[in-house]
Amino acid sequence: MQASIQLATGAGRIVDGRLCSMTTRHLSDYHQLWQPMLIEAALPDRGWPWEYKLRQAQQEERFEAYAIEAAGLTQGMLYLETQWHRSGTPQRDRLVYVQAIASAPWNRVEIEDPPFFAGIGRALLLFARQRSKQIGYQGRVGLHALPGSEGFYHRNAMPDYGPDLEKEGLIYFEYGPMQS
């Protein structure tokens, strides 16, 4: 899978990027470039096992792993589950579940202000909705937010369903069907 996307720099310029299936090159960027910065900033995703996620995506069709590339580097990564999750609403519709979503550290305002690229997380979230439509789930997407990232999902108009005690009290967010 590969698609061209437009990205905005922190200075407001528009540049071309690419959304693609995750590869070991993206893992290399994560370990060599992202992880030292994430560890130094003590961010909660500093130890995410992206190798495991990529391996699952390669071995099980219900998992999918993607990356955004621009300026020769991995700018964001996304890990989805597409078959087993159901909506938190009473209808219990099928949805795409975001297992993990991350922007490169230099694209995060808490590390770099202004960020090198703005909108990486939003682009990945939009792709998850588009992927949900492609597989017949009408754009339904759910996820549990890391502490401190809830504001990002509120700013992206993702409905908040409150703490989920089965997921360590993480806040559950879910987009319903997309309007045509």
N, C-alpha and C. Protein backbone atom coordinates (compact mmCIF):
# COMPACT_ATOMS: atom_id res chain seq x y z
N MET A 1 0.84 -1.18 0.00
CA MET A 1 0.00 0.00 0.00
C MET A 1 0.88 1.24 0.00
N GLN A 2 0.51 2.20 -0.82
CA GLN A 2 1.27 3.45 -0.89
C GLN A 2 0.36 4.54 -1.44
N ALA A 3 0.45 5.73 -0.84
CA ALA A 3 -0.34 6.87 -1.31
C ALA A 3 0.44 8.15 -1.04
N SER A 4 0.35 9.09 -1.97
CA SER A 4 0.95 10.40 -1.77
C SER A 4 0.04 11.22 -0.88
N ILE A 5 0.64 12.00 0.02
CA ILE A 5 -0.14 12.90 0.87
C ILE A 5 0.57 14.24 0.94
N GLN A 6 -0.18 15.26 1.25
CA GLN A 6 0.37 16.61 1.43
C GLN A 6 0.55 16.84 2.93
N LEU A 7 1.71 17.34 3.31
CA LEU A 7 2.01 17.64 4.71
C LEU A 7 2.39 19.10 4.84
N ALA A 8 2.11 19.66 5.99
CA ALA A 8 2.46 21.04 6.27
C ALA A 8 3.66 21.07 7.21
N THR A 9 4.65 21.88 6.88
CA THR A 9 5.75 22.07 7.81
C THR A 9 5.27 22.95 8.95
N GLY A 10 6.03 22.98 10.03
CA GLY A 10 5.68 23.85 11.14
C GLY A 10 5.68 25.31 10.74
N ALA A 11 6.42 25.63 9.66
CA ALA A 11 6.46 27.00 9.15
C ALA A 11 5.33 27.27 8.17
N GLY A 12 4.50 26.27 7.87
CA GLY A 12 3.35 26.47 7.02
C GLY A 12 3.53 26.13 5.55
N ARG A 13 4.70 25.66 5.14
CA ARG A 13 4.89 25.24 3.75
C ARG A 13 4.26 23.87 3.54
N ILE A 14 3.76 23.62 2.34
CA ILE A 14 3.18 22.33 1.99
C ILE A 14 4.24 21.52 1.24
N VAL A 15 4.43 20.27 1.67
CA VAL A 15 5.39 19.39 1.02
C VAL A 15 4.74 18.03 0.76
N ASP A 16 5.33 17.29 -0.15
CA ASP A 16 4.81 15.96 -0.47
C ASP A 16 5.35 14.95 0.52
N GLY A 17 4.48 14.03 0.91
CA GLY A 17 4.85 12.92 1.77
C GLY A 17 4.27 11.64 1.18
N ARG A 18 4.52 10.55 1.86
CA ARG A 18 4.04 9.27 1.38
C ARG A 18 3.56 8.45 2.56
N LEU A 19 2.34 7.93 2.45
CA LEU A 19 1.82 7.00 3.43
C LEU A 19 1.98 5.61 2.82
N CYS A 20 2.61 4.69 3.55
CA CYS A 20 2.92 3.38 2.99
C CYS A 20 2.85 2.31 4.07
N SER A 21 2.90 1.08 3.64
CA SER A 21 3.00 -0.03 4.58
C SER A 21 4.32 0.08 5.32
N MET A 22 4.28 -0.23 6.61
CA MET A 22 5.49 -0.15 7.42
C MET A 22 6.50 -1.22 7.00
N THR A 23 7.78 -0.85 7.06
CA THR A 23 8.88 -1.77 6.75
C THR A 23 9.93 -1.70 7.86
N THR A 24 10.95 -2.52 7.73
CA THR A 24 12.03 -2.50 8.71
C THR A 24 12.81 -1.18 8.68
N ARG A 25 12.78 -0.47 7.55
CA ARG A 25 13.43 0.85 7.49
C ARG A 25 12.78 1.82 8.47
N HIS A 26 11.46 1.73 8.61
CA HIS A 26 10.75 2.60 9.55
C HIS A 26 11.13 2.24 10.98
N LEU A 27 11.30 0.94 11.24
CA LEU A 27 11.73 0.51 12.57
C LEU A 27 13.12 1.05 12.89
N SER A 28 13.98 1.06 11.89
CA SER A 28 15.32 1.59 12.08
C SER A 28 15.27 3.08 12.47
N ASP A 29 14.45 3.86 11.77
CA ASP A 29 14.28 5.27 12.14
C ASP A 29 13.77 5.40 13.57
N TYR A 30 12.82 4.54 13.93
CA TYR A 30 12.28 4.58 15.29
C TYR A 30 13.40 4.36 16.31
N HIS A 31 14.17 3.32 16.15
CA HIS A 31 15.21 2.99 17.13
C HIS A 31 16.36 3.98 17.13
N GLN A 32 16.81 4.39 15.96
CA GLN A 32 17.99 5.26 15.89
C GLN A 32 17.67 6.72 16.15
N LEU A 33 16.51 7.18 15.71
CA LEU A 33 16.20 8.60 15.78
C LEU A 33 15.10 8.93 16.79
N TRP A 34 14.00 8.20 16.75
CA TRP A 34 12.88 8.53 17.62
C TRP A 34 13.15 8.18 19.07
N GLN A 35 13.52 6.92 19.30
CA GLN A 35 13.55 6.40 20.66
C GLN A 35 14.46 7.20 21.60
N PRO A 36 15.67 7.60 21.21
CA PRO A 36 16.47 8.40 22.14
C PRO A 36 15.77 9.68 22.57
N MET A 37 15.07 10.33 21.65
CA MET A 37 14.36 11.57 21.98
C MET A 37 13.14 11.27 22.87
N LEU A 38 12.43 10.18 22.58
CA LEU A 38 11.27 9.81 23.39
C LEU A 38 11.69 9.45 24.81
N ILE A 39 12.81 8.75 24.93
CA ILE A 39 13.33 8.38 26.26
C ILE A 39 13.73 9.63 27.03
N GLU A 40 14.46 10.52 26.38
CA GLU A 40 14.89 11.75 27.05
C GLU A 40 13.70 12.58 27.52
N ALA A 41 12.64 12.63 26.71
CA ALA A 41 11.45 13.41 27.08
C ALA A 41 10.51 12.62 27.99
N ALA A 42 10.84 11.36 28.28
CA ALA A 42 10.04 10.48 29.14
C ALA A 42 8.59 10.37 28.66
N LEU A 43 8.42 10.23 27.35
CA LEU A 43 7.07 10.10 26.79
C LEU A 43 6.59 8.65 26.88
N PRO A 44 5.28 8.47 27.07
CA PRO A 44 4.76 7.12 27.34
C PRO A 44 4.93 6.10 26.21
N ASP A 45 5.16 6.55 24.99
CA ASP A 45 5.33 5.60 23.88
C ASP A 45 6.80 5.27 23.62
N ARG A 46 7.68 5.63 24.53
CA ARG A 46 9.12 5.44 24.32
C ARG A 46 9.54 3.98 24.20
N GLY A 47 8.75 3.05 24.69
CA GLY A 47 9.13 1.65 24.64
C GLY A 47 8.19 0.78 23.84
N TRP A 48 7.39 1.40 22.99
CA TRP A 48 6.44 0.59 22.21
C TRP A 48 7.18 -0.42 21.34
N PRO A 49 6.70 -1.65 21.30
CA PRO A 49 7.38 -2.72 20.54
C PRO A 49 6.97 -2.72 19.06
N TRP A 50 7.48 -1.77 18.30
CA TRP A 50 7.09 -1.66 16.89
C TRP A 50 7.50 -2.88 16.07
N GLU A 51 8.59 -3.57 16.46
CA GLU A 51 8.98 -4.79 15.73
C GLU A 51 7.89 -5.83 15.83
N TYR A 52 7.37 -5.99 17.04
CA TYR A 52 6.29 -6.95 17.28
C TYR A 52 5.06 -6.57 16.46
N LYS A 53 4.73 -5.30 16.44
CA LYS A 53 3.57 -4.83 15.69
C LYS A 53 3.73 -5.11 14.19
N LEU A 54 4.91 -4.82 13.66
CA LEU A 54 5.15 -5.09 12.24
C LEU A 54 5.07 -6.59 11.96
N ARG A 55 5.66 -7.39 12.84
CA ARG A 55 5.62 -8.84 12.65
C ARG A 55 4.18 -9.36 12.66
N GLN A 56 3.36 -8.85 13.58
CA GLN A 56 1.95 -9.26 13.61
C GLN A 56 1.24 -8.87 12.32
N ALA A 57 1.52 -7.66 11.83
CA ALA A 57 0.89 -7.20 10.59
C ALA A 57 1.31 -8.06 9.40
N GLN A 58 2.52 -8.58 9.44
CA GLN A 58 2.99 -9.43 8.35
C GLN A 58 2.44 -10.86 8.45
N GLN A 59 2.07 -11.29 9.65
CA GLN A 59 1.65 -12.66 9.87
C GLN A 59 0.15 -12.86 10.01
N GLU A 60 -0.57 -11.83 10.43
CA GLU A 60 -2.02 -11.97 10.66
C GLU A 60 -2.76 -10.89 9.88
N GLU A 61 -3.73 -11.29 9.08
CA GLU A 61 -4.41 -10.33 8.22
C GLU A 61 -5.24 -9.31 8.98
N ARG A 62 -5.56 -9.56 10.23
CA ARG A 62 -6.37 -8.60 10.98
C ARG A 62 -5.58 -7.39 11.47
N PHE A 63 -4.24 -7.46 11.38
CA PHE A 63 -3.40 -6.34 11.79
C PHE A 63 -2.79 -5.68 10.56
N GLU A 64 -2.65 -4.35 10.64
CA GLU A 64 -2.05 -3.58 9.56
C GLU A 64 -1.13 -2.53 10.17
N ALA A 65 0.02 -2.30 9.55
CA ALA A 65 0.99 -1.33 10.05
C ALA A 65 1.38 -0.39 8.91
N TYR A 66 1.37 0.91 9.19
CA TYR A 66 1.64 1.93 8.18
C TYR A 66 2.63 2.96 8.72
N ALA A 67 3.21 3.71 7.80
CA ALA A 67 4.11 4.80 8.17
C ALA A 67 3.91 5.96 7.21
N ILE A 68 4.24 7.14 7.68
CA ILE A 68 4.31 8.33 6.83
C ILE A 68 5.78 8.68 6.69
N GLU A 69 6.20 8.88 5.44
CA GLU A 69 7.57 9.30 5.14
C GLU A 69 7.55 10.68 4.50
N ALA A 70 8.52 11.47 4.86
CA ALA A 70 8.74 12.77 4.22
C ALA A 70 10.13 13.24 4.62
N ALA A 71 10.75 14.01 3.77
CA ALA A 71 12.10 14.54 4.01
C ALA A 71 13.08 13.41 4.31
N GLY A 72 12.86 12.25 3.71
CA GLY A 72 13.77 11.12 3.86
C GLY A 72 13.68 10.39 5.19
N LEU A 73 12.69 10.71 6.02
CA LEU A 73 12.56 10.10 7.35
C LEU A 73 11.14 9.62 7.62
N THR A 74 11.02 8.72 8.57
CA THR A 74 9.72 8.27 9.05
C THR A 74 9.16 9.37 9.94
N GLN A 75 7.99 9.88 9.58
CA GLN A 75 7.38 11.00 10.31
C GLN A 75 6.25 10.55 11.23
N GLY A 76 5.70 9.37 10.98
CA GLY A 76 4.62 8.87 11.82
C GLY A 76 4.40 7.39 11.56
N MET A 77 3.80 6.70 12.55
CA MET A 77 3.51 5.27 12.40
C MET A 77 2.12 4.97 12.98
N LEU A 78 1.49 3.95 12.40
CA LEU A 78 0.12 3.59 12.77
C LEU A 78 -0.02 2.08 12.74
N TYR A 79 -0.69 1.55 13.76
CA TYR A 79 -0.90 0.10 13.86
C TYR A 79 -2.39 -0.12 14.14
N LEU A 80 -3.05 -0.87 13.24
CA LEU A 80 -4.49 -1.06 13.29
C LEU A 80 -4.86 -2.53 13.47
N GLU A 81 -6.01 -2.76 14.11
CA GLU A 81 -6.65 -4.07 14.14
C GLU A 81 -7.98 -3.89 13.42
N THR A 82 -8.28 -4.76 12.46
CA THR A 82 -9.42 -4.51 11.57
C THR A 82 -10.56 -5.52 11.65
N GLN A 83 -10.49 -6.52 12.49
CA GLN A 83 -11.53 -7.55 12.45
C GLN A 83 -12.21 -7.86 13.77
N TRP A 84 -11.57 -7.69 14.89
CA TRP A 84 -12.12 -8.20 16.14
C TRP A 84 -12.80 -7.16 17.02
N HIS A 85 -12.62 -5.89 16.77
CA HIS A 85 -13.16 -4.88 17.67
C HIS A 85 -14.57 -4.44 17.25
N ARG A 86 -15.33 -4.10 18.26
CA ARG A 86 -16.70 -3.61 18.08
C ARG A 86 -16.82 -2.25 18.74
N SER A 87 -17.81 -1.49 18.28
CA SER A 87 -18.08 -0.17 18.82
C SER A 87 -18.42 -0.26 20.31
N GLY A 88 -18.07 0.80 21.02
CA GLY A 88 -18.45 0.92 22.42
C GLY A 88 -19.88 1.40 22.58
N THR A 89 -20.55 1.72 21.48
CA THR A 89 -21.94 2.15 21.53
C THR A 89 -22.85 0.93 21.61
N PRO A 90 -24.10 1.11 22.01
CA PRO A 90 -25.01 -0.04 22.14
C PRO A 90 -25.19 -0.86 20.85
N GLN A 91 -24.98 -0.25 19.67
CA GLN A 91 -25.14 -0.98 18.41
C GLN A 91 -24.04 -2.02 18.20
N ARG A 92 -22.88 -1.84 18.83
CA ARG A 92 -21.75 -2.77 18.75
C ARG A 92 -21.30 -3.03 17.31
N ASP A 93 -21.34 -1.99 16.45
CA ASP A 93 -20.89 -2.12 15.07
C ASP A 93 -19.40 -2.43 15.01
N ARG A 94 -18.99 -3.08 13.93
CA ARG A 94 -17.57 -3.35 13.72
C ARG A 94 -16.84 -2.04 13.42
N LEU A 95 -15.58 -1.99 13.84
CA LEU A 95 -14.78 -0.79 13.59
C LEU A 95 -13.31 -1.15 13.45
N VAL A 96 -12.56 -0.19 12.96
CA VAL A 96 -11.10 -0.29 12.94
C VAL A 96 -10.63 0.24 14.30
N TYR A 97 -9.79 -0.55 14.96
CA TYR A 97 -9.27 -0.15 16.26
C TYR A 97 -7.81 0.28 16.10
N VAL A 98 -7.51 1.47 16.58
CA VAL A 98 -6.14 1.99 16.54
C VAL A 98 -5.41 1.44 17.76
N GLN A 99 -4.53 0.48 17.51
CA GLN A 99 -3.72 -0.09 18.59
C GLN A 99 -2.59 0.86 18.99
N ALA A 100 -2.03 1.57 18.00
CA ALA A 100 -0.93 2.50 18.28
C ALA A 100 -0.87 3.54 17.16
N ILE A 101 -0.63 4.78 17.56
CA ILE A 101 -0.46 5.87 16.61
C ILE A 101 0.61 6.79 17.20
N ALA A 102 1.57 7.17 16.38
CA ALA A 102 2.66 7.99 16.90
C ALA A 102 3.23 8.89 15.82
N SER A 103 3.59 10.09 16.24
CA SER A 103 4.32 11.04 15.40
C SER A 103 5.77 11.04 15.84
N ALA A 104 6.66 11.30 14.91
CA ALA A 104 8.08 11.42 15.26
C ALA A 104 8.23 12.51 16.31
N PRO A 105 9.21 12.38 17.19
CA PRO A 105 9.37 13.37 18.27
C PRO A 105 9.49 14.80 17.78
N TRP A 106 10.17 15.02 16.65
CA TRP A 106 10.35 16.39 16.15
C TRP A 106 9.06 16.97 15.56
N ASN A 107 8.01 16.14 15.51
CA ASN A 107 6.70 16.62 15.06
C ASN A 107 5.75 16.85 16.23
N ARG A 108 6.25 16.80 17.43
CA ARG A 108 5.44 16.97 18.65
C ARG A 108 5.79 18.30 19.30
N VAL A 109 4.77 19.09 19.51
CA VAL A 109 4.95 20.43 20.05
C VAL A 109 5.64 20.41 21.42
N GLU A 110 5.43 19.36 22.22
CA GLU A 110 6.08 19.31 23.54
C GLU A 110 7.59 19.10 23.43
N ILE A 111 8.07 18.69 22.25
CA ILE A 111 9.51 18.51 22.04
C ILE A 111 10.07 19.59 21.12
N GLU A 112 9.35 19.90 20.06
CA GLU A 112 9.81 20.86 19.04
C GLU A 112 8.67 21.84 18.74
N ASP A 113 8.89 23.13 19.06
CA ASP A 113 7.84 24.13 18.83
C ASP A 113 8.41 25.30 18.04
N PRO A 114 8.00 25.47 16.78
CA PRO A 114 6.98 24.69 16.08
C PRO A 114 7.54 23.33 15.64
N PRO A 115 6.63 22.38 15.44
CA PRO A 115 7.07 21.05 14.99
C PRO A 115 7.62 21.12 13.57
N PHE A 116 8.46 20.14 13.22
CA PHE A 116 8.99 20.07 11.87
C PHE A 116 7.85 19.91 10.87
N PHE A 117 6.97 18.93 11.13
CA PHE A 117 5.74 18.76 10.35
C PHE A 117 4.56 18.83 11.31
N ALA A 118 3.52 19.52 10.90
CA ALA A 118 2.29 19.59 11.68
C ALA A 118 1.26 18.66 11.04
N GLY A 119 0.42 18.07 11.86
CA GLY A 119 -0.70 17.30 11.33
C GLY A 119 -0.41 15.85 11.00
N ILE A 120 0.71 15.29 11.44
CA ILE A 120 1.01 13.89 11.17
C ILE A 120 -0.03 12.98 11.85
N GLY A 121 -0.29 13.22 13.11
CA GLY A 121 -1.28 12.42 13.84
C GLY A 121 -2.65 12.52 13.20
N ARG A 122 -3.04 13.72 12.80
CA ARG A 122 -4.33 13.94 12.16
C ARG A 122 -4.40 13.18 10.83
N ALA A 123 -3.30 13.19 10.06
CA ALA A 123 -3.27 12.45 8.79
C ALA A 123 -3.41 10.95 9.04
N LEU A 124 -2.76 10.42 10.06
CA LEU A 124 -2.87 9.00 10.37
C LEU A 124 -4.28 8.64 10.84
N LEU A 125 -4.88 9.50 11.64
CA LEU A 125 -6.25 9.27 12.11
C LEU A 125 -7.23 9.29 10.94
N LEU A 126 -7.06 10.23 10.03
CA LEU A 126 -7.91 10.30 8.84
C LEU A 126 -7.73 9.04 7.99
N PHE A 127 -6.50 8.57 7.85
CA PHE A 127 -6.28 7.34 7.10
C PHE A 127 -7.00 6.17 7.76
N ALA A 128 -6.98 6.09 9.08
CA ALA A 128 -7.69 5.00 9.78
C ALA A 128 -9.18 5.05 9.45
N ARG A 129 -9.74 6.25 9.38
CA ARG A 129 -11.17 6.38 9.01
C ARG A 129 -11.40 5.95 7.56
N GLN A 130 -10.51 6.34 6.67
CA GLN A 130 -10.64 5.94 5.27
C GLN A 130 -10.51 4.43 5.13
N ARG A 131 -9.58 3.86 5.89
CA ARG A 131 -9.40 2.40 5.84
C ARG A 131 -10.67 1.70 6.35
N SER A 132 -11.29 2.26 7.37
CA SER A 132 -12.54 1.72 7.90
C SER A 132 -13.63 1.74 6.83
N LYS A 133 -13.71 2.83 6.09
CA LYS A 133 -14.68 2.90 4.99
C LYS A 133 -14.38 1.84 3.93
N GLN A 134 -13.10 1.67 3.58
CA GLN A 134 -12.72 0.71 2.54
C GLN A 134 -13.14 -0.71 2.88
N ILE A 135 -13.11 -1.06 4.15
CA ILE A 135 -13.45 -2.43 4.52
C ILE A 135 -14.90 -2.58 4.98
N GLY A 136 -15.70 -1.52 4.77
CA GLY A 136 -17.13 -1.62 5.01
C GLY A 136 -17.62 -1.23 6.38
N TYR A 137 -16.78 -0.54 7.17
CA TYR A 137 -17.18 -0.15 8.53
C TYR A 137 -17.65 1.31 8.60
N GLN A 138 -17.82 1.94 7.46
CA GLN A 138 -18.39 3.29 7.34
C GLN A 138 -17.59 4.38 8.05
N GLY A 139 -16.30 4.14 8.26
CA GLY A 139 -15.46 5.16 8.89
C GLY A 139 -15.39 5.05 10.40
N ARG A 140 -15.98 4.02 10.98
CA ARG A 140 -15.93 3.85 12.44
C ARG A 140 -14.50 3.48 12.86
N VAL A 141 -14.01 4.22 13.86
CA VAL A 141 -12.67 4.01 14.39
C VAL A 141 -12.74 4.20 15.90
N GLY A 142 -12.08 3.31 16.64
CA GLY A 142 -12.01 3.44 18.09
C GLY A 142 -10.58 3.35 18.57
N LEU A 143 -10.32 3.91 19.76
CA LEU A 143 -9.00 3.82 20.38
C LEU A 143 -9.07 4.22 21.84
N HIS A 144 -8.06 3.81 22.58
CA HIS A 144 -7.87 4.25 23.96
C HIS A 144 -6.68 5.21 23.95
N ALA A 145 -6.86 6.40 24.50
CA ALA A 145 -5.83 7.44 24.46
C ALA A 145 -4.84 7.30 25.61
N LEU A 146 -3.57 7.51 25.28
CA LEU A 146 -2.55 7.60 26.33
C LEU A 146 -2.83 8.81 27.21
N PRO A 147 -2.50 8.73 28.49
CA PRO A 147 -2.66 9.91 29.35
C PRO A 147 -1.90 11.10 28.75
N GLY A 148 -2.55 12.23 28.70
CA GLY A 148 -1.94 13.43 28.15
C GLY A 148 -2.24 13.66 26.68
N SER A 149 -2.74 12.65 25.98
CA SER A 149 -3.03 12.83 24.55
C SER A 149 -4.53 13.03 24.28
N GLU A 150 -5.33 13.05 25.33
CA GLU A 150 -6.77 13.20 25.14
C GLU A 150 -7.13 14.48 24.40
N GLY A 151 -6.39 15.57 24.67
CA GLY A 151 -6.66 16.84 24.02
C GLY A 151 -6.53 16.75 22.50
N PHE A 152 -5.58 15.96 22.02
CA PHE A 152 -5.42 15.76 20.58
C PHE A 152 -6.71 15.20 19.97
N TYR A 153 -7.29 14.20 20.61
CA TYR A 153 -8.51 13.58 20.07
C TYR A 153 -9.70 14.52 20.20
N HIS A 154 -9.76 15.30 21.28
CA HIS A 154 -10.82 16.30 21.40
C HIS A 154 -10.70 17.34 20.28
N ARG A 155 -9.47 17.81 20.01
CA ARG A 155 -9.27 18.80 18.94
C ARG A 155 -9.64 18.24 17.58
N ASN A 156 -9.57 16.94 17.41
CA ASN A 156 -9.93 16.30 16.15
C ASN A 156 -11.37 15.78 16.15
N ALA A 157 -12.18 16.34 17.06
CA ALA A 157 -13.62 16.07 17.12
C ALA A 157 -13.95 14.58 17.22
N MET A 158 -13.13 13.85 17.95
CA MET A 158 -13.39 12.43 18.18
C MET A 158 -14.18 12.31 19.48
N PRO A 159 -15.39 11.75 19.43
CA PRO A 159 -16.20 11.66 20.65
C PRO A 159 -15.52 10.86 21.77
N ASP A 160 -15.63 11.38 22.97
CA ASP A 160 -15.02 10.85 24.19
C ASP A 160 -16.08 10.05 24.94
N TYR A 161 -15.80 8.78 25.19
CA TYR A 161 -16.74 7.92 25.91
C TYR A 161 -16.30 7.64 27.34
N GLY A 162 -15.32 8.39 27.81
CA GLY A 162 -14.89 8.31 29.20
C GLY A 162 -13.91 7.18 29.49
N PRO A 163 -13.54 7.06 30.77
CA PRO A 163 -12.56 6.06 31.17
C PRO A 163 -13.09 4.63 30.98
N ASP A 164 -12.21 3.75 30.56
CA ASP A 164 -12.55 2.35 30.38
C ASP A 164 -11.79 1.57 31.46
N LEU A 165 -12.52 1.08 32.45
CA LEU A 165 -11.89 0.39 33.56
C LEU A 165 -11.21 -0.91 33.14
N GLU A 166 -11.65 -1.48 32.02
CA GLU A 166 -11.00 -2.70 31.51
C GLU A 166 -9.66 -2.39 30.82
N LYS A 167 -9.40 -1.12 30.57
CA LYS A 167 -8.15 -0.69 29.92
C LYS A 167 -7.42 0.31 30.83
N GLU A 168 -7.29 -0.04 32.09
CA GLU A 168 -6.54 0.76 33.06
C GLU A 168 -7.04 2.20 33.18
N GLY A 169 -8.33 2.41 32.92
CA GLY A 169 -8.91 3.74 33.04
C GLY A 169 -8.58 4.68 31.90
N LEU A 170 -7.95 4.17 30.82
CA LEU A 170 -7.68 5.03 29.67
C LEU A 170 -9.00 5.51 29.08
N ILE A 171 -8.99 6.73 28.55
CA ILE A 171 -10.19 7.30 27.94
C ILE A 171 -10.41 6.65 26.58
N TYR A 172 -11.67 6.21 26.35
CA TYR A 172 -12.02 5.58 25.08
C TYR A 172 -12.64 6.64 24.16
N PHE A 173 -12.13 6.70 22.94
CA PHE A 173 -12.64 7.61 21.91
C PHE A 173 -13.13 6.77 20.74
N GLU A 174 -14.18 7.27 20.08
CA GLU A 174 -14.68 6.54 18.93
C GLU A 174 -15.37 7.46 17.93
N TYR A 175 -14.95 7.37 16.66
CA TYR A 175 -15.66 8.03 15.58
C TYR A 175 -16.77 7.11 15.12
N GLY A 176 -17.96 7.70 14.91
CA GLY A 176 -19.06 6.96 14.31
C GLY A 176 -18.93 6.97 12.80
N PRO A 177 -19.99 6.58 12.09
CA PRO A 177 -19.93 6.55 10.63
C PRO A 177 -19.65 7.93 10.02
N MET A 178 -18.88 7.93 8.94
CA MET A 178 -18.59 9.19 8.23
C MET A 178 -19.81 9.57 7.40
N GLN A 179 -20.04 10.86 7.32
CA GLN A 179 -21.10 11.36 6.45
C GLN A 179 -20.61 11.31 5.00
N SER A 180 -21.48 10.99 4.09
CA SER A 180 -21.10 10.92 2.66
C SER A 180 -20.79 12.28 2.11
